[in-house]
Amino acid sequence: MRRERPLSARQEATLYVIRSWIIERGDGPTIRQIGARVGLSSTSSVAYQLAQLEERGLISRTGRDLSSCRLESPKPPRRGLRSR
């Protein structure tokens, strides 16, 4: 059985920034706003962190803008029979 690795410190910080920003303002922060809060000056580094969070199902984006970002509840691990 494959275990998913825990979130990295950067991923946790990025998720925290997104969550708190949405609670405070009602919509998601921009990539530059996330970078400023997390300490990343490169927008591509922030985009990488967002892609990792999206791949894990923790956020979803409907477009290129992070303002269209939504938080997702993590999906429980699948259980059942495995095929060989």
N, C-alpha and C. Protein backbone atom coordinates (compact mmCIF):
# COMPACT_ATOMS: atom_id res chain seq x y z
N MET A 1 0.83 -1.17 0.00
CA MET A 1 0.00 0.00 0.00
C MET A 1 0.88 1.24 0.00
N ARG A 2 0.58 2.18 -0.87
CA ARG A 2 1.39 3.39 -1.01
C ARG A 2 0.84 4.48 -0.09
N ARG A 3 1.71 5.00 0.74
CA ARG A 3 1.31 6.09 1.63
C ARG A 3 1.67 7.41 1.00
N GLU A 4 0.79 8.37 1.17
CA GLU A 4 1.08 9.70 0.66
C GLU A 4 1.99 10.43 1.64
N ARG A 5 3.00 11.07 1.10
CA ARG A 5 3.92 11.82 1.95
C ARG A 5 3.20 12.99 2.60
N PRO A 6 3.65 13.39 3.80
CA PRO A 6 3.05 14.57 4.42
C PRO A 6 3.40 15.83 3.63
N LEU A 7 2.64 16.87 3.85
CA LEU A 7 2.91 18.13 3.17
C LEU A 7 4.25 18.68 3.62
N SER A 8 4.94 19.33 2.69
CA SER A 8 6.19 20.00 3.04
C SER A 8 5.84 21.28 3.82
N ALA A 9 6.85 21.88 4.42
CA ALA A 9 6.63 23.12 5.17
C ALA A 9 6.11 24.22 4.24
N ARG A 10 6.63 24.28 3.02
CA ARG A 10 6.17 25.29 2.05
C ARG A 10 4.72 25.04 1.64
N GLN A 11 4.38 23.78 1.44
CA GLN A 11 3.00 23.46 1.07
C GLN A 11 2.05 23.81 2.20
N GLU A 12 2.43 23.50 3.43
CA GLU A 12 1.58 23.85 4.58
C GLU A 12 1.43 25.36 4.68
N ALA A 13 2.53 26.10 4.51
CA ALA A 13 2.47 27.56 4.58
C ALA A 13 1.59 28.12 3.48
N THR A 14 1.72 27.58 2.28
CA THR A 14 0.92 28.04 1.15
C THR A 14 -0.56 27.78 1.40
N LEU A 15 -0.88 26.61 1.87
CA LEU A 15 -2.27 26.26 2.17
C LEU A 15 -2.82 27.16 3.27
N TYR A 16 -2.01 27.44 4.29
CA TYR A 16 -2.43 28.32 5.38
C TYR A 16 -2.74 29.72 4.85
N VAL A 17 -1.87 30.25 3.99
CA VAL A 17 -2.08 31.58 3.42
C VAL A 17 -3.38 31.62 2.62
N ILE A 18 -3.60 30.61 1.79
CA ILE A 18 -4.82 30.56 0.98
C ILE A 18 -6.04 30.50 1.88
N ARG A 19 -6.01 29.61 2.87
CA ARG A 19 -7.15 29.43 3.76
C ARG A 19 -7.46 30.73 4.52
N SER A 20 -6.45 31.35 5.11
CA SER A 20 -6.68 32.57 5.89
C SER A 20 -7.11 33.73 5.00
N TRP A 21 -6.55 33.81 3.79
CA TRP A 21 -6.91 34.88 2.87
C TRP A 21 -8.39 34.76 2.47
N ILE A 22 -8.82 33.56 2.17
CA ILE A 22 -10.22 33.34 1.78
C ILE A 22 -11.15 33.66 2.95
N ILE A 23 -10.77 33.29 4.16
CA ILE A 23 -11.60 33.58 5.34
C ILE A 23 -11.70 35.09 5.55
N GLU A 24 -10.57 35.80 5.41
CA GLU A 24 -10.53 37.24 5.64
C GLU A 24 -11.20 38.05 4.53
N ARG A 25 -10.99 37.64 3.27
CA ARG A 25 -11.40 38.48 2.15
C ARG A 25 -12.48 37.88 1.25
N GLY A 26 -12.72 36.61 1.38
CA GLY A 26 -13.78 36.00 0.59
C GLY A 26 -13.35 35.40 -0.74
N ASP A 27 -12.16 35.76 -1.22
CA ASP A 27 -11.66 35.16 -2.45
C ASP A 27 -10.19 34.83 -2.26
N GLY A 28 -9.61 34.14 -3.20
CA GLY A 28 -8.23 33.69 -3.07
C GLY A 28 -7.21 34.78 -3.37
N PRO A 29 -6.01 34.65 -2.81
CA PRO A 29 -4.93 35.60 -3.09
C PRO A 29 -4.31 35.34 -4.45
N THR A 30 -3.58 36.33 -4.95
CA THR A 30 -2.85 36.16 -6.20
C THR A 30 -1.58 35.37 -5.92
N ILE A 31 -0.93 34.93 -6.97
CA ILE A 31 0.32 34.20 -6.82
C ILE A 31 1.37 35.08 -6.15
N ARG A 32 1.43 36.35 -6.52
CA ARG A 32 2.40 37.26 -5.92
C ARG A 32 2.11 37.51 -4.44
N GLN A 33 0.84 37.59 -4.08
CA GLN A 33 0.47 37.78 -2.67
C GLN A 33 0.86 36.55 -1.84
N ILE A 34 0.66 35.36 -2.40
CA ILE A 34 1.07 34.15 -1.70
C ILE A 34 2.59 34.15 -1.54
N GLY A 35 3.30 34.44 -2.61
CA GLY A 35 4.76 34.46 -2.56
C GLY A 35 5.29 35.42 -1.50
N ALA A 36 4.69 36.59 -1.39
CA ALA A 36 5.12 37.57 -0.40
C ALA A 36 4.91 37.06 1.02
N ARG A 37 3.81 36.36 1.24
CA ARG A 37 3.51 35.85 2.59
C ARG A 37 4.33 34.61 2.94
N VAL A 38 4.65 33.80 1.94
CA VAL A 38 5.38 32.55 2.19
C VAL A 38 6.90 32.76 2.11
N GLY A 39 7.31 33.82 1.46
CA GLY A 39 8.74 34.09 1.32
C GLY A 39 9.33 33.57 0.03
N LEU A 40 8.51 33.45 -1.00
CA LEU A 40 8.99 33.03 -2.32
C LEU A 40 8.89 34.21 -3.28
N SER A 41 10.01 34.59 -3.89
CA SER A 41 9.98 35.72 -4.81
C SER A 41 9.65 35.28 -6.24
N SER A 42 9.83 34.01 -6.53
CA SER A 42 9.59 33.49 -7.87
C SER A 42 8.13 33.03 -8.00
N THR A 43 7.42 33.58 -8.98
CA THR A 43 6.03 33.16 -9.19
C THR A 43 5.95 31.71 -9.66
N SER A 44 7.00 31.24 -10.34
CA SER A 44 6.98 29.85 -10.79
C SER A 44 7.11 28.90 -9.59
N SER A 45 7.82 29.31 -8.55
CA SER A 45 7.91 28.48 -7.34
C SER A 45 6.56 28.39 -6.65
N VAL A 46 5.85 29.50 -6.61
CA VAL A 46 4.51 29.50 -6.02
C VAL A 46 3.58 28.63 -6.87
N ALA A 47 3.66 28.77 -8.18
CA ALA A 47 2.82 27.97 -9.07
C ALA A 47 3.09 26.48 -8.89
N TYR A 48 4.34 26.11 -8.65
CA TYR A 48 4.69 24.72 -8.40
C TYR A 48 4.02 24.22 -7.12
N GLN A 49 4.08 25.02 -6.06
CA GLN A 49 3.45 24.64 -4.80
C GLN A 49 1.93 24.49 -4.98
N LEU A 50 1.33 25.39 -5.74
CA LEU A 50 -0.11 25.31 -6.00
C LEU A 50 -0.46 24.04 -6.78
N ALA A 51 0.38 23.70 -7.75
CA ALA A 51 0.13 22.49 -8.54
C ALA A 51 0.21 21.25 -7.66
N GLN A 52 1.15 21.24 -6.72
CA GLN A 52 1.27 20.12 -5.79
C GLN A 52 0.04 20.00 -4.91
N LEU A 53 -0.46 21.12 -4.41
CA LEU A 53 -1.66 21.11 -3.57
C LEU A 53 -2.88 20.69 -4.38
N GLU A 54 -2.94 21.13 -5.62
CA GLU A 54 -4.06 20.76 -6.49
C GLU A 54 -4.02 19.27 -6.81
N GLU A 55 -2.83 18.75 -7.05
CA GLU A 55 -2.67 17.33 -7.34
C GLU A 55 -3.12 16.46 -6.16
N ARG A 56 -2.90 16.94 -4.96
CA ARG A 56 -3.31 16.21 -3.76
C ARG A 56 -4.80 16.38 -3.45
N GLY A 57 -5.47 17.24 -4.19
CA GLY A 57 -6.89 17.44 -3.98
C GLY A 57 -7.23 18.39 -2.85
N LEU A 58 -6.26 19.21 -2.41
CA LEU A 58 -6.49 20.14 -1.32
C LEU A 58 -7.06 21.47 -1.79
N ILE A 59 -6.74 21.84 -3.03
CA ILE A 59 -7.32 23.03 -3.63
C ILE A 59 -7.76 22.68 -5.04
N SER A 60 -8.60 23.51 -5.60
CA SER A 60 -8.93 23.38 -7.02
C SER A 60 -8.97 24.77 -7.61
N ARG A 61 -8.59 24.86 -8.86
CA ARG A 61 -8.59 26.15 -9.55
C ARG A 61 -9.39 26.00 -10.83
N THR A 62 -10.21 26.99 -11.09
CA THR A 62 -11.02 26.94 -12.30
C THR A 62 -10.38 27.69 -13.45
N GLY A 63 -9.30 28.38 -13.17
CA GLY A 63 -8.61 29.12 -14.22
C GLY A 63 -7.19 29.39 -13.80
N ARG A 64 -6.53 30.26 -14.54
CA ARG A 64 -5.15 30.59 -14.23
C ARG A 64 -5.06 31.50 -13.00
N ASP A 65 -6.10 32.27 -12.73
CA ASP A 65 -6.10 33.15 -11.55
C ASP A 65 -6.29 32.32 -10.30
N LEU A 66 -5.53 32.64 -9.26
CA LEU A 66 -5.75 31.95 -8.01
C LEU A 66 -7.01 32.47 -7.34
N SER A 67 -7.46 33.65 -7.75
CA SER A 67 -8.70 34.18 -7.19
C SER A 67 -9.85 33.21 -7.43
N SER A 68 -9.70 32.33 -8.39
CA SER A 68 -10.73 31.33 -8.66
C SER A 68 -10.45 30.03 -7.92
N CYS A 69 -9.54 30.09 -6.94
CA CYS A 69 -9.15 28.92 -6.16
C CYS A 69 -10.20 28.61 -5.11
N ARG A 70 -10.43 27.32 -4.92
CA ARG A 70 -11.33 26.87 -3.86
C ARG A 70 -10.59 25.85 -3.02
N LEU A 71 -10.90 25.84 -1.74
CA LEU A 71 -10.35 24.81 -0.85
C LEU A 71 -11.19 23.57 -1.00
N GLU A 72 -10.57 22.44 -1.00
CA GLU A 72 -11.27 21.16 -1.10
C GLU A 72 -11.01 20.37 0.17
N SER A 73 -11.97 19.57 0.58
CA SER A 73 -11.70 18.69 1.71
C SER A 73 -10.95 17.47 1.19
N PRO A 74 -9.92 17.04 1.93
CA PRO A 74 -9.15 15.90 1.44
C PRO A 74 -10.01 14.65 1.34
N LYS A 75 -9.76 13.89 0.31
CA LYS A 75 -10.52 12.66 0.09
C LYS A 75 -9.91 11.53 0.92
N PRO A 76 -10.75 10.71 1.54
CA PRO A 76 -10.21 9.60 2.33
C PRO A 76 -9.54 8.58 1.41
N PRO A 77 -8.57 7.84 1.93
CA PRO A 77 -7.90 6.83 1.09
C PRO A 77 -8.89 5.77 0.64
N ARG A 78 -8.68 5.27 -0.58
CA ARG A 78 -9.56 4.22 -1.11
C ARG A 78 -9.25 2.92 -0.40
N ARG A 79 -10.30 2.20 -0.11
CA ARG A 79 -10.14 0.88 0.50
C ARG A 79 -10.90 -0.13 -0.33
N GLY A 80 -10.47 -1.32 -0.26
CA GLY A 80 -11.16 -2.35 -1.01
C GLY A 80 -10.19 -3.33 -1.62
N LEU A 81 -10.71 -4.12 -2.51
CA LEU A 81 -9.88 -5.13 -3.15
C LEU A 81 -8.99 -4.52 -4.19
N ARG A 82 -7.80 -5.03 -4.26
CA ARG A 82 -6.87 -4.57 -5.29
C ARG A 82 -6.87 -5.58 -6.43
N SER A 83 -6.72 -5.07 -7.62
CA SER A 83 -6.58 -6.00 -8.74
C SER A 83 -5.11 -6.33 -8.90
N ARG A 84 -4.84 -7.50 -9.41
CA ARG A 84 -3.44 -7.91 -9.58
C ARG A 84 -2.98 -7.75 -10.96
